[in-house]
Amino acid sequence: MKLEDALVSWSMCTEPGDEAAGMLREALGPERAVALVREGSASRLVSELERAGFADLATSRFGELNRLFEDCFQRWLPRLSAFDATSLSRDILSGKQRWLHQDSEHWPSG
């Protein structure tokens, strides 16, 4: 998965300010994190966070990580399966669709 597709996927499947999603993107990178979420295995995500050295920090922030990710999957996976990130990315890059994100000049300030 290309970076653009991963970023669009995260934008489509998470709410603004979703701290668990932000932590996964930071710890594993957007592409790897969304690929692991698509697998739907909380234990695999926890193992990858341990490997990346983020598990202790994540546990101190969120508590029991397997439960956290199982809850997150309930929200994220239906949204991820509802659209084609590659097609949407292509439409955004071609100008057929607009993508408003926090780094966009049109992102609301308040």
PDB file of N, CA and C in Angstrom:
ATOM      1  N   MET A   1       0.839  -1.171   0.000  1.00  0.00           N
ATOM      2  CA  MET A   1       0.000   0.000   0.000  1.00  0.00           C
ATOM      3  C   MET A   1       0.890   1.243   0.000  1.00  0.00           C
ATOM      4  N   LYS A   2       0.528   2.191  -0.851  1.00  0.00           N
ATOM      5  CA  LYS A   2       1.271   3.446  -0.924  1.00  0.00           C
ATOM      6  C   LYS A   2       0.899   4.340   0.254  1.00  0.00           C
ATOM      7  N   LEU A   3       1.802   5.255   0.571  1.00  0.00           N
ATOM      8  CA  LEU A   3       1.587   6.169   1.684  1.00  0.00           C
ATOM      9  C   LEU A   3       0.281   6.945   1.517  1.00  0.00           C
ATOM     10  N   GLU A   4       0.013   7.468   0.316  1.00  0.00           N
ATOM     11  CA  GLU A   4      -1.204   8.248   0.095  1.00  0.00           C
ATOM     12  C   GLU A   4      -2.442   7.415   0.395  1.00  0.00           C
ATOM     13  N   ASP A   5      -2.449   6.155  -0.047  1.00  0.00           N
ATOM     14  CA  ASP A   5      -3.590   5.275   0.193  1.00  0.00           C
ATOM     15  C   ASP A   5      -3.760   5.008   1.688  1.00  0.00           C
ATOM     16  N   ALA A   6      -2.647   4.824   2.390  1.00  0.00           N
ATOM     17  CA  ALA A   6      -2.718   4.577   3.832  1.00  0.00           C
ATOM     18  C   ALA A   6      -3.260   5.800   4.560  1.00  0.00           C
ATOM     19  N   LEU A   7      -2.808   6.978   4.188  1.00  0.00           N
ATOM     20  CA  LEU A   7      -3.293   8.198   4.847  1.00  0.00           C
ATOM     21  C   LEU A   7      -4.776   8.423   4.582  1.00  0.00           C
ATOM     22  N   VAL A   8      -5.213   8.163   3.358  1.00  0.00           N
ATOM     23  CA  VAL A   8      -6.638   8.271   3.040  1.00  0.00           C
ATOM     24  C   VAL A   8      -7.418   7.229   3.841  1.00  0.00           C
ATOM     25  N   SER A   9      -6.886   6.025   3.949  1.00  0.00           N
ATOM     26  CA  SER A   9      -7.555   4.977   4.725  1.00  0.00           C
ATOM     27  C   SER A   9      -7.734   5.399   6.171  1.00  0.00           C
ATOM     28  N   TRP A  10      -6.674   5.934   6.778  1.00  0.00           N
ATOM     29  CA  TRP A  10      -6.785   6.391   8.163  1.00  0.00           C
ATOM     30  C   TRP A  10      -7.808   7.514   8.281  1.00  0.00           C
ATOM     31  N   SER A  11      -7.834   8.420   7.320  1.00  0.00           N
ATOM     32  CA  SER A  11      -8.795   9.524   7.363  1.00  0.00           C
ATOM     33  C   SER A  11     -10.228   9.021   7.270  1.00  0.00           C
ATOM     34  N   MET A  12     -10.443   7.979   6.512  1.00  0.00           N
ATOM     35  CA  MET A  12     -11.786   7.459   6.308  1.00  0.00           C
ATOM     36  C   MET A  12     -12.267   6.566   7.453  1.00  0.00           C
ATOM     37  N   CYS A  13     -11.347   5.937   8.180  1.00  0.00           N
ATOM     38  CA  CYS A  13     -11.791   4.955   9.173  1.00  0.00           C
ATOM     39  C   CYS A  13     -11.722   5.443  10.610  1.00  0.00           C
ATOM     40  N   THR A  14     -11.108   6.580  10.868  1.00  0.00           N
ATOM     41  CA  THR A  14     -10.981   7.053  12.248  1.00  0.00           C
ATOM     42  C   THR A  14     -11.616   8.426  12.411  1.00  0.00           C
ATOM     43  N   GLU A  15     -11.954   8.719  13.654  1.00  0.00           N
ATOM     44  CA  GLU A  15     -12.500  10.027  13.971  1.00  0.00           C
ATOM     45  C   GLU A  15     -11.345  10.995  14.213  1.00  0.00           C
ATOM     46  N   PRO A  16     -11.568  12.299  14.013  1.00  0.00           N
ATOM     47  CA  PRO A  16     -10.527  13.274  14.361  1.00  0.00           C
ATOM     48  C   PRO A  16     -10.158  13.136  15.840  1.00  0.00           C
ATOM     49  N   GLY A  17      -8.876  13.168  16.123  1.00  0.00           N
ATOM     50  CA  GLY A  17      -8.411  13.074  17.494  1.00  0.00           C
ATOM     51  C   GLY A  17      -8.360  11.669  18.062  1.00  0.00           C
ATOM     52  N   ASP A  18      -8.540  10.640  17.234  1.00  0.00           N
ATOM     53  CA  ASP A  18      -8.477   9.247  17.707  1.00  0.00           C
ATOM     54  C   ASP A  18      -7.044   8.945  18.136  1.00  0.00           C
ATOM     55  N   GLU A  19      -6.818   8.942  19.446  1.00  0.00           N
ATOM     56  CA  GLU A  19      -5.463   8.794  19.971  1.00  0.00           C
ATOM     57  C   GLU A  19      -4.871   7.415  19.707  1.00  0.00           C
ATOM     58  N   ALA A  20      -5.684   6.382  19.728  1.00  0.00           N
ATOM     59  CA  ALA A  20      -5.170   5.032  19.460  1.00  0.00           C
ATOM     60  C   ALA A  20      -4.671   4.942  18.020  1.00  0.00           C
ATOM     61  N   ALA A  21      -5.429   5.495  17.087  1.00  0.00           N
ATOM     62  CA  ALA A  21      -5.007   5.484  15.684  1.00  0.00           C
ATOM     63  C   ALA A  21      -3.736   6.306  15.503  1.00  0.00           C
ATOM     64  N   GLY A  22      -3.666   7.457  16.141  1.00  0.00           N
ATOM     65  CA  GLY A  22      -2.472   8.291  16.048  1.00  0.00           C
ATOM     66  C   GLY A  22      -1.247   7.589  16.586  1.00  0.00           C
ATOM     67  N   MET A  23      -1.407   6.874  17.689  1.00  0.00           N
ATOM     68  CA  MET A  23      -0.294   6.141  18.274  1.00  0.00           C
ATOM     69  C   MET A  23       0.178   5.035  17.330  1.00  0.00           C
ATOM     70  N   LEU A  24      -0.761   4.322  16.708  1.00  0.00           N
ATOM     71  CA  LEU A  24      -0.379   3.262  15.764  1.00  0.00           C
ATOM     72  C   LEU A  24       0.358   3.832  14.556  1.00  0.00           C
ATOM     73  N   ARG A  25      -0.139   4.938  14.016  1.00  0.00           N
ATOM     74  CA  ARG A  25       0.530   5.551  12.862  1.00  0.00           C
ATOM     75  C   ARG A  25       1.935   5.996  13.220  1.00  0.00           C
ATOM     76  N   GLU A  26       2.096   6.576  14.399  1.00  0.00           N
ATOM     77  CA  GLU A  26       3.416   7.032  14.822  1.00  0.00           C
ATOM     78  C   GLU A  26       4.352   5.856  15.072  1.00  0.00           C
ATOM     79  N   ALA A  27       3.867   4.840  15.742  1.00  0.00           N
ATOM     80  CA  ALA A  27       4.712   3.707  16.135  1.00  0.00           C
ATOM     81  C   ALA A  27       5.094   2.823  14.956  1.00  0.00           C
ATOM     82  N   LEU A  28       4.156   2.588  14.041  1.00  0.00           N
ATOM     83  CA  LEU A  28       4.363   1.594  12.990  1.00  0.00           C
ATOM     84  C   LEU A  28       4.431   2.184  11.588  1.00  0.00           C
ATOM     85  N   GLY A  29       4.106   3.459  11.461  1.00  0.00           N
ATOM     86  CA  GLY A  29       4.003   4.070  10.134  1.00  0.00           C
ATOM     87  C   GLY A  29       2.611   3.818   9.587  1.00  0.00           C
ATOM     88  N   PRO A  30       2.084   4.763   8.806  1.00  0.00           N
ATOM     89  CA  PRO A  30       0.710   4.634   8.315  1.00  0.00           C
ATOM     90  C   PRO A  30       0.455   3.375   7.497  1.00  0.00           C
ATOM     91  N   GLU A  31       1.384   3.025   6.620  1.00  0.00           N
ATOM     92  CA  GLU A  31       1.164   1.873   5.737  1.00  0.00           C
ATOM     93  C   GLU A  31       1.114   0.576   6.524  1.00  0.00           C
ATOM     94  N   ARG A  32       2.096   0.345   7.372  1.00  0.00           N
ATOM     95  CA  ARG A  32       2.159  -0.890   8.163  1.00  0.00           C
ATOM     96  C   ARG A  32       0.985  -0.970   9.139  1.00  0.00           C
ATOM     97  N   ALA A  33       0.666   0.149   9.772  1.00  0.00           N
ATOM     98  CA  ALA A  33      -0.420   0.158  10.753  1.00  0.00           C
ATOM     99  C   ALA A  33      -1.757  -0.192  10.109  1.00  0.00           C
ATOM    100  N   VAL A  34      -2.076   0.408   8.968  1.00  0.00           N
ATOM    101  CA  VAL A  34      -3.372   0.106   8.343  1.00  0.00           C
ATOM    102  C   VAL A  34      -3.399  -1.335   7.832  1.00  0.00           C
ATOM    103  N   ALA A  35      -2.288  -1.849   7.350  1.00  0.00           N
ATOM    104  CA  ALA A  35      -2.239  -3.251   6.915  1.00  0.00           C
ATOM    105  C   ALA A  35      -2.515  -4.189   8.089  1.00  0.00           C
ATOM    106  N   LEU A  36      -1.939  -3.900   9.240  1.00  0.00           N
ATOM    107  CA  LEU A  36      -2.168  -4.734  10.425  1.00  0.00           C
ATOM    108  C   LEU A  36      -3.597  -4.602  10.933  1.00  0.00           C
ATOM    109  N   VAL A  37      -4.161  -3.420  10.874  1.00  0.00           N
ATOM    110  CA  VAL A  37      -5.555  -3.253  11.283  1.00  0.00           C
ATOM    111  C   VAL A  37      -6.457  -4.075  10.372  1.00  0.00           C
ATOM    112  N   ARG A  38      -6.188  -4.066   9.078  1.00  0.00           N
ATOM    113  CA  ARG A  38      -7.006  -4.859   8.142  1.00  0.00           C
ATOM    114  C   ARG A  38      -6.970  -6.348   8.480  1.00  0.00           C
ATOM    115  N   GLU A  39      -5.856  -6.821   9.053  1.00  0.00           N
ATOM    116  CA  GLU A  39      -5.774  -8.224   9.474  1.00  0.00           C
ATOM    117  C   GLU A  39      -6.738  -8.509  10.615  1.00  0.00           C
ATOM    118  N   GLY A  40      -7.039  -7.506  11.429  1.00  0.00           N
ATOM    119  CA  GLY A  40      -8.006  -7.656  12.502  1.00  0.00           C
ATOM    120  C   GLY A  40      -7.528  -8.460  13.696  1.00  0.00           C
ATOM    121  N   SER A  41      -6.227  -8.535  13.916  1.00  0.00           N
ATOM    122  CA  SER A  41      -5.678  -9.295  15.031  1.00  0.00           C
ATOM    123  C   SER A  41      -5.086  -8.345  16.077  1.00  0.00           C
ATOM    124  N   ALA A  42      -5.784  -8.221  17.205  1.00  0.00           N
ATOM    125  CA  ALA A  42      -5.297  -7.355  18.273  1.00  0.00           C
ATOM    126  C   ALA A  42      -3.961  -7.847  18.802  1.00  0.00           C
ATOM    127  N   SER A  43      -3.813  -9.150  18.965  1.00  0.00           N
ATOM    128  CA  SER A  43      -2.549  -9.678  19.500  1.00  0.00           C
ATOM    129  C   SER A  43      -1.394  -9.402  18.551  1.00  0.00           C
ATOM    130  N   ARG A  44      -1.640  -9.426  17.258  1.00  0.00           N
ATOM    131  CA  ARG A  44      -0.590  -9.104  16.282  1.00  0.00           C
ATOM    132  C   ARG A  44      -0.186  -7.633  16.386  1.00  0.00           C
ATOM    133  N   LEU A  45      -1.172  -6.749  16.561  1.00  0.00           N
ATOM    134  CA  LEU A  45      -0.864  -5.330  16.736  1.00  0.00           C
ATOM    135  C   LEU A  45      -0.024  -5.108  17.997  1.00  0.00           C
ATOM    136  N   VAL A  46      -0.398  -5.773  19.078  1.00  0.00           N
ATOM    137  CA  VAL A  46       0.358  -5.628  20.326  1.00  0.00           C
ATOM    138  C   VAL A  46       1.787  -6.121  20.133  1.00  0.00           C
ATOM    139  N   SER A  47       1.950  -7.245  19.456  1.00  0.00           N
ATOM    140  CA  SER A  47       3.303  -7.762  19.196  1.00  0.00           C
ATOM    141  C   SER A  47       4.128  -6.782  18.385  1.00  0.00           C
ATOM    142  N   GLU A  48       3.520  -6.172  17.389  1.00  0.00           N
ATOM    143  CA  GLU A  48       4.234  -5.201  16.561  1.00  0.00           C
ATOM    144  C   GLU A  48       4.595  -3.948  17.371  1.00  0.00           C
ATOM    145  N   LEU A  49       3.716  -3.533  18.278  1.00  0.00           N
ATOM    146  CA  LEU A  49       4.037  -2.397  19.141  1.00  0.00           C
ATOM    147  C   LEU A  49       5.185  -2.743  20.082  1.00  0.00           C
ATOM    148  N   GLU A  50       5.203  -3.969  20.587  1.00  0.00           N
ATOM    149  CA  GLU A  50       6.321  -4.409  21.430  1.00  0.00           C
ATOM    150  C   GLU A  50       7.621  -4.371  20.642  1.00  0.00           C
ATOM    151  N   ARG A  51       7.584  -4.891  19.429  1.00  0.00           N
ATOM    152  CA  ARG A  51       8.770  -4.904  18.572  1.00  0.00           C
ATOM    153  C   ARG A  51       9.265  -3.490  18.274  1.00  0.00           C
ATOM    154  N   ALA A  52       8.331  -2.550  18.135  1.00  0.00           N
ATOM    155  CA  ALA A  52       8.693  -1.163  17.831  1.00  0.00           C
ATOM    156  C   ALA A  52       9.067  -0.366  19.088  1.00  0.00           C
ATOM    157  N   GLY A  53       8.927  -0.982  20.269  1.00  0.00           N
ATOM    158  CA  GLY A  53       9.280  -0.309  21.504  1.00  0.00           C
ATOM    159  C   GLY A  53       8.220   0.640  22.027  1.00  0.00           C
ATOM    160  N   PHE A  54       6.965   0.497  21.592  1.00  0.00           N
ATOM    161  CA  PHE A  54       5.887   1.389  21.997  1.00  0.00           C
ATOM    162  C   PHE A  54       4.882   0.741  22.940  1.00  0.00           C
ATOM    163  N   ALA A  55       4.993  -0.541  23.232  1.00  0.00           N
ATOM    164  CA  ALA A  55       3.963  -1.236  24.004  1.00  0.00           C
ATOM    165  C   ALA A  55       3.829  -0.683  25.424  1.00  0.00           C
ATOM    166  N   ASP A  56       4.928  -0.424  26.089  1.00  0.00           N
ATOM    167  CA  ASP A  56       4.842   0.088  27.462  1.00  0.00           C
ATOM    168  C   ASP A  56       4.188   1.464  27.498  1.00  0.00           C
ATOM    169  N   LEU A  57       4.590   2.330  26.595  1.00  0.00           N
ATOM    170  CA  LEU A  57       3.997   3.664  26.517  1.00  0.00           C
ATOM    171  C   LEU A  57       2.498   3.561  26.206  1.00  0.00           C
ATOM    172  N   ALA A  58       2.153   2.709  25.256  1.00  0.00           N
ATOM    173  CA  ALA A  58       0.746   2.538  24.876  1.00  0.00           C
ATOM    174  C   ALA A  58      -0.070   1.975  26.034  1.00  0.00           C
ATOM    175  N   THR A  59       0.488   1.017  26.747  1.00  0.00           N
ATOM    176  CA  THR A  59      -0.219   0.426  27.887  1.00  0.00           C
ATOM    177  C   THR A  59      -0.424   1.463  28.984  1.00  0.00           C
ATOM    178  N   SER A  60       0.584   2.283  29.246  1.00  0.00           N
ATOM    179  CA  SER A  60       0.430   3.304  30.286  1.00  0.00           C
ATOM    180  C   SER A  60      -0.619   4.336  29.893  1.00  0.00           C
ATOM    181  N   ARG A  61      -0.778   4.590  28.602  1.00  0.00           N
ATOM    182  CA  ARG A  61      -1.765   5.570  28.128  1.00  0.00           C
ATOM    183  C   ARG A  61      -3.164   4.981  28.014  1.00  0.00           C
ATOM    184  N   PHE A  62      -3.275   3.739  27.505  1.00  0.00           N
ATOM    185  CA  PHE A  62      -4.578   3.177  27.142  1.00  0.00           C
ATOM    186  C   PHE A  62      -5.022   1.994  28.000  1.00  0.00           C
ATOM    187  N   GLY A  63      -4.136   1.421  28.779  1.00  0.00           N
ATOM    188  CA  GLY A  63      -4.501   0.230  29.556  1.00  0.00           C
ATOM    189  C   GLY A  63      -4.288  -1.029  28.735  1.00  0.00           C
ATOM    190  N   GLU A  64      -5.139  -1.995  28.904  1.00  0.00           N
ATOM    191  CA  GLU A  64      -5.004  -3.308  28.271  1.00  0.00           C
ATOM    192  C   GLU A  64      -5.163  -3.173  26.747  1.00  0.00           C
ATOM    193  N   LEU A  65      -4.091  -3.430  26.014  1.00  0.00           N
ATOM    194  CA  LEU A  65      -4.060  -3.127  24.578  1.00  0.00           C
ATOM    195  C   LEU A  65      -4.914  -4.063  23.750  1.00  0.00           C
ATOM    196  N   ASN A  66      -4.973  -5.339  24.087  1.00  0.00           N
ATOM    197  CA  ASN A  66      -5.819  -6.255  23.304  1.00  0.00           C
ATOM    198  C   ASN A  66      -7.267  -5.791  23.330  1.00  0.00           C
ATOM    199  N   ARG A  67      -7.752  -5.395  24.485  1.00  0.00           N
ATOM    200  CA  ARG A  67      -9.136  -4.914  24.602  1.00  0.00           C
ATOM    201  C   ARG A  67      -9.307  -3.612  23.824  1.00  0.00           C
ATOM    202  N   LEU A  68      -8.326  -2.713  23.946  1.00  0.00           N
ATOM    203  CA  LEU A  68      -8.378  -1.445  23.205  1.00  0.00           C
ATOM    204  C   LEU A  68      -8.544  -1.695  21.712  1.00  0.00           C
ATOM    205  N   PHE A  69      -7.684  -2.563  21.148  1.00  0.00           N
ATOM    206  CA  PHE A  69      -7.733  -2.771  19.704  1.00  0.00           C
ATOM    207  C   PHE A  69      -8.977  -3.527  19.263  1.00  0.00           C
ATOM    208  N   GLU A  70      -9.470  -4.438  20.076  1.00  0.00           N
ATOM    209  CA  GLU A  70     -10.727  -5.109  19.735  1.00  0.00           C
ATOM    210  C   GLU A  70     -11.854  -4.077  19.640  1.00  0.00           C
ATOM    211  N   ASP A  71     -11.880  -3.127  20.582  1.00  0.00           N
ATOM    212  CA  ASP A  71     -12.878  -2.051  20.526  1.00  0.00           C
ATOM    213  C   ASP A  71     -12.676  -1.180  19.283  1.00  0.00           C
ATOM    214  N   CYS A  72     -11.429  -0.841  18.999  1.00  0.00           N
ATOM    215  CA  CYS A  72     -11.127  -0.021  17.818  1.00  0.00           C
ATOM    216  C   CYS A  72     -11.543  -0.729  16.533  1.00  0.00           C
ATOM    217  N   PHE A  73     -11.295  -2.032  16.442  1.00  0.00           N
ATOM    218  CA  PHE A  73     -11.668  -2.780  15.236  1.00  0.00           C
ATOM    219  C   PHE A  73     -13.165  -2.685  14.962  1.00  0.00           C
ATOM    220  N   GLN A  74     -13.973  -2.627  16.018  1.00  0.00           N
ATOM    221  CA  GLN A  74     -15.426  -2.513  15.843  1.00  0.00           C
ATOM    222  C   GLN A  74     -15.789  -1.242  15.076  1.00  0.00           C
ATOM    223  N   ARG A  75     -15.015  -0.189  15.271  1.00  0.00           N
ATOM    224  CA  ARG A  75     -15.259   1.070  14.556  1.00  0.00           C
ATOM    225  C   ARG A  75     -14.534   1.128  13.223  1.00  0.00           C
ATOM    226  N   TRP A  76     -13.271   0.728  13.229  1.00  0.00           N
ATOM    227  CA  TRP A  76     -12.419   0.945  12.057  1.00  0.00           C
ATOM    228  C   TRP A  76     -12.694  -0.017  10.906  1.00  0.00           C
ATOM    229  N   LEU A  77     -12.841  -1.293  11.184  1.00  0.00           N
ATOM    230  CA  LEU A  77     -12.918  -2.281  10.098  1.00  0.00           C
ATOM    231  C   LEU A  77     -14.136  -2.107   9.188  1.00  0.00           C
ATOM    232  N   PRO A  78     -15.328  -1.831   9.725  1.00  0.00           N
ATOM    233  CA  PRO A  78     -16.448  -1.603   8.789  1.00  0.00           C
ATOM    234  C   PRO A  78     -16.202  -0.410   7.866  1.00  0.00           C
ATOM    235  N   ARG A  79     -15.572   0.617   8.386  1.00  0.00           N
ATOM    236  CA  ARG A  79     -15.283   1.795   7.567  1.00  0.00           C
ATOM    237  C   ARG A  79     -14.212   1.486   6.522  1.00  0.00           C
ATOM    238  N   LEU A  80     -13.190   0.731   6.909  1.00  0.00           N
ATOM    239  CA  LEU A  80     -12.134   0.376   5.952  1.00  0.00           C
ATOM    240  C   LEU A  80     -12.674  -0.464   4.807  1.00  0.00           C
ATOM    241  N   SER A  81     -13.625  -1.330   5.109  1.00  0.00           N
ATOM    242  CA  SER A  81     -14.142  -2.213   4.059  1.00  0.00           C
ATOM    243  C   SER A  81     -15.177  -1.524   3.179  1.00  0.00           C
ATOM    244  N   ALA A  82     -15.612  -0.320   3.561  1.00  0.00           N
ATOM    245  CA  ALA A  82     -16.682   0.361   2.841  1.00  0.00           C
ATOM    246  C   ALA A  82     -16.210   1.184   1.649  1.00  0.00           C
ATOM    247  N   PHE A  83     -14.909   1.301   1.438  1.00  0.00           N
ATOM    248  CA  PHE A  83     -14.435   2.114   0.321  1.00  0.00           C
ATOM    249  C   PHE A  83     -13.119   1.560  -0.216  1.00  0.00           C
ATOM    250  N   ASP A  84     -12.768   2.013  -1.394  1.00  0.00           N
ATOM    251  CA  ASP A  84     -11.526   1.613  -2.054  1.00  0.00           C
ATOM    252  C   ASP A  84     -10.536   2.770  -1.952  1.00  0.00           C
ATOM    253  N   ALA A  85      -9.546   2.622  -1.058  1.00  0.00           N
ATOM    254  CA  ALA A  85      -8.594   3.705  -0.807  1.00  0.00           C
ATOM    255  C   ALA A  85      -7.795   4.060  -2.055  1.00  0.00           C
ATOM    256  N   THR A  86      -7.418   3.085  -2.843  1.00  0.00           N
ATOM    257  CA  THR A  86      -6.623   3.348  -4.044  1.00  0.00           C
ATOM    258  C   THR A  86      -7.406   4.208  -5.028  1.00  0.00           C
ATOM    259  N   SER A  87      -8.664   3.855  -5.246  1.00  0.00           N
ATOM    260  CA  SER A  87      -9.505   4.623  -6.162  1.00  0.00           C
ATOM    261  C   SER A  87      -9.745   6.039  -5.635  1.00  0.00           C
ATOM    262  N   LEU A  88     -10.018   6.148  -4.345  1.00  0.00           N
ATOM    263  CA  LEU A  88     -10.240   7.461  -3.759  1.00  0.00           C
ATOM    264  C   LEU A  88      -8.973   8.309  -3.827  1.00  0.00           C
ATOM    265  N   SER A  89      -7.818   7.718  -3.546  1.00  0.00           N
ATOM    266  CA  SER A  89      -6.547   8.445  -3.647  1.00  0.00           C
ATOM    267  C   SER A  89      -6.329   8.945  -5.074  1.00  0.00           C
ATOM    268  N   ARG A  90      -6.614   8.108  -6.032  1.00  0.00           N
ATOM    269  CA  ARG A  90      -6.459   8.487  -7.436  1.00  0.00           C
ATOM    270  C   ARG A  90      -7.373   9.673  -7.766  1.00  0.00           C
ATOM    271  N   ASP A  91      -8.621   9.626  -7.273  1.00  0.00           N
ATOM    272  CA  ASP A  91      -9.545  10.738  -7.518  1.00  0.00           C
ATOM    273  C   ASP A  91      -9.075  12.024  -6.855  1.00  0.00           C
ATOM    274  N   ILE A  92      -8.492  11.910  -5.661  1.00  0.00           N
ATOM    275  CA  ILE A  92      -7.979  13.092  -4.959  1.00  0.00           C
ATOM    276  C   ILE A  92      -6.809  13.686  -5.733  1.00  0.00           C
ATOM    277  N   LEU A  93      -5.873  12.840  -6.145  1.00  0.00           N
ATOM    278  CA  LEU A  93      -4.702  13.324  -6.868  1.00  0.00           C
ATOM    279  C   LEU A  93      -5.061  13.925  -8.217  1.00  0.00           C
ATOM    280  N   SER A  94      -6.116  13.413  -8.856  1.00  0.00           N
ATOM    281  CA  SER A  94      -6.523  13.943 -10.157  1.00  0.00           C
ATOM    282  C   SER A  94      -7.397  15.185 -10.039  1.00  0.00           C
ATOM    283  N   GLY A  95      -7.819  15.515  -8.822  1.00  0.00           N
ATOM    284  CA  GLY A  95      -8.655  16.684  -8.615  1.00  0.00           C
ATOM    285  C   GLY A  95     -10.148  16.397  -8.672  1.00  0.00           C
ATOM    286  N   LYS A  96     -10.542  15.135  -8.877  1.00  0.00           N
ATOM    287  CA  LYS A  96     -11.964  14.794  -8.915  1.00  0.00           C
ATOM    288  C   LYS A  96     -12.610  14.852  -7.534  1.00  0.00           C
ATOM    289  N   GLN A  97     -11.830  14.621  -6.514  1.00  0.00           N
ATOM    290  CA  GLN A  97     -12.301  14.671  -5.123  1.00  0.00           C
ATOM    291  C   GLN A  97     -11.373  15.593  -4.341  1.00  0.00           C
ATOM    292  N   ARG A  98     -11.897  16.192  -3.295  1.00  0.00           N
ATOM    293  CA  ARG A  98     -11.067  16.993  -2.393  1.00  0.00           C
ATOM    294  C   ARG A  98     -10.884  16.232  -1.106  1.00  0.00           C
ATOM    295  N   TRP A  99      -9.738  16.390  -0.505  1.00  0.00           N
ATOM    296  CA  TRP A  99      -9.426  15.730   0.759  1.00  0.00           C
ATOM    297  C   TRP A  99      -9.090  16.807   1.754  1.00  0.00           C
ATOM    298  N   LEU A 100      -9.957  16.985   2.723  1.00  0.00           N
ATOM    299  CA  LEU A 100      -9.747  17.970   3.769  1.00  0.00           C
ATOM    300  C   LEU A 100      -9.153  17.257   4.974  1.00  0.00           C
ATOM    301  N   HIS A 101      -7.968  17.672   5.371  1.00  0.00           N
ATOM    302  CA  HIS A 101      -7.286  17.089   6.525  1.00  0.00           C
ATOM    303  C   HIS A 101      -6.662  18.216   7.323  1.00  0.00           C
ATOM    304  N   GLN A 102      -6.132  17.880   8.508  1.00  0.00           N
ATOM    305  CA  GLN A 102      -5.680  18.927   9.423  1.00  0.00           C
ATOM    306  C   GLN A 102      -4.546  19.784   8.888  1.00  0.00           C
ATOM    307  N   ASP A 103      -3.835  19.340   7.877  1.00  0.00           N
ATOM    308  CA  ASP A 103      -2.782  20.154   7.280  1.00  0.00           C
ATOM    309  C   ASP A 103      -3.259  20.949   6.065  1.00  0.00           C
ATOM    310  N   SER A 104      -4.536  20.806   5.716  1.00  0.00           N
ATOM    311  CA  SER A 104      -5.103  21.542   4.583  1.00  0.00           C
ATOM    312  C   SER A 104      -5.294  23.013   4.939  1.00  0.00           C
ATOM    313  N   GLU A 105      -5.125  23.870   3.950  1.00  0.00           N
ATOM    314  CA  GLU A 105      -5.320  25.307   4.200  1.00  0.00           C
ATOM    315  C   GLU A 105      -6.775  25.618   4.547  1.00  0.00           C
ATOM    316  N   HIS A 106      -7.717  24.773   4.155  1.00  0.00           N
ATOM    317  CA  HIS A 106      -9.140  25.019   4.421  1.00  0.00           C
ATOM    318  C   HIS A 106      -9.646  24.320   5.688  1.00  0.00           C
ATOM    319  N   TRP A 107      -8.745  23.673   6.437  1.00  0.00           N
ATOM    320  CA  TRP A 107      -9.137  23.020   7.686  1.00  0.00           C
ATOM    321  C   TRP A 107      -9.636  24.079   8.671  1.00  0.00           C
ATOM    322  N   PRO A 108     -10.788  23.883   9.288  1.00  0.00           N
ATOM    323  CA  PRO A 108     -11.316  24.904  10.211  1.00  0.00           C
ATOM    324  C   PRO A 108     -10.389  25.117  11.408  1.00  0.00           C
ATOM    325  N   SER A 109     -10.271  26.343  11.842  1.00  0.00           N
ATOM    326  CA  SER A 109      -9.368  26.663  12.948  1.00  0.00           C
ATOM    327  C   SER A 109      -9.996  26.401  14.306  1.00  0.00           C
ATOM    328  N   GLY A 110     -11.298  26.327  14.392  1.00  0.00           N
ATOM    329  CA  GLY A 110     -11.943  26.160  15.689  1.00  0.00           C
ATOM    330  C   GLY A 110     -12.817  24.957  15.765  1.00  0.00           C
TER     331      GLY A 110
END
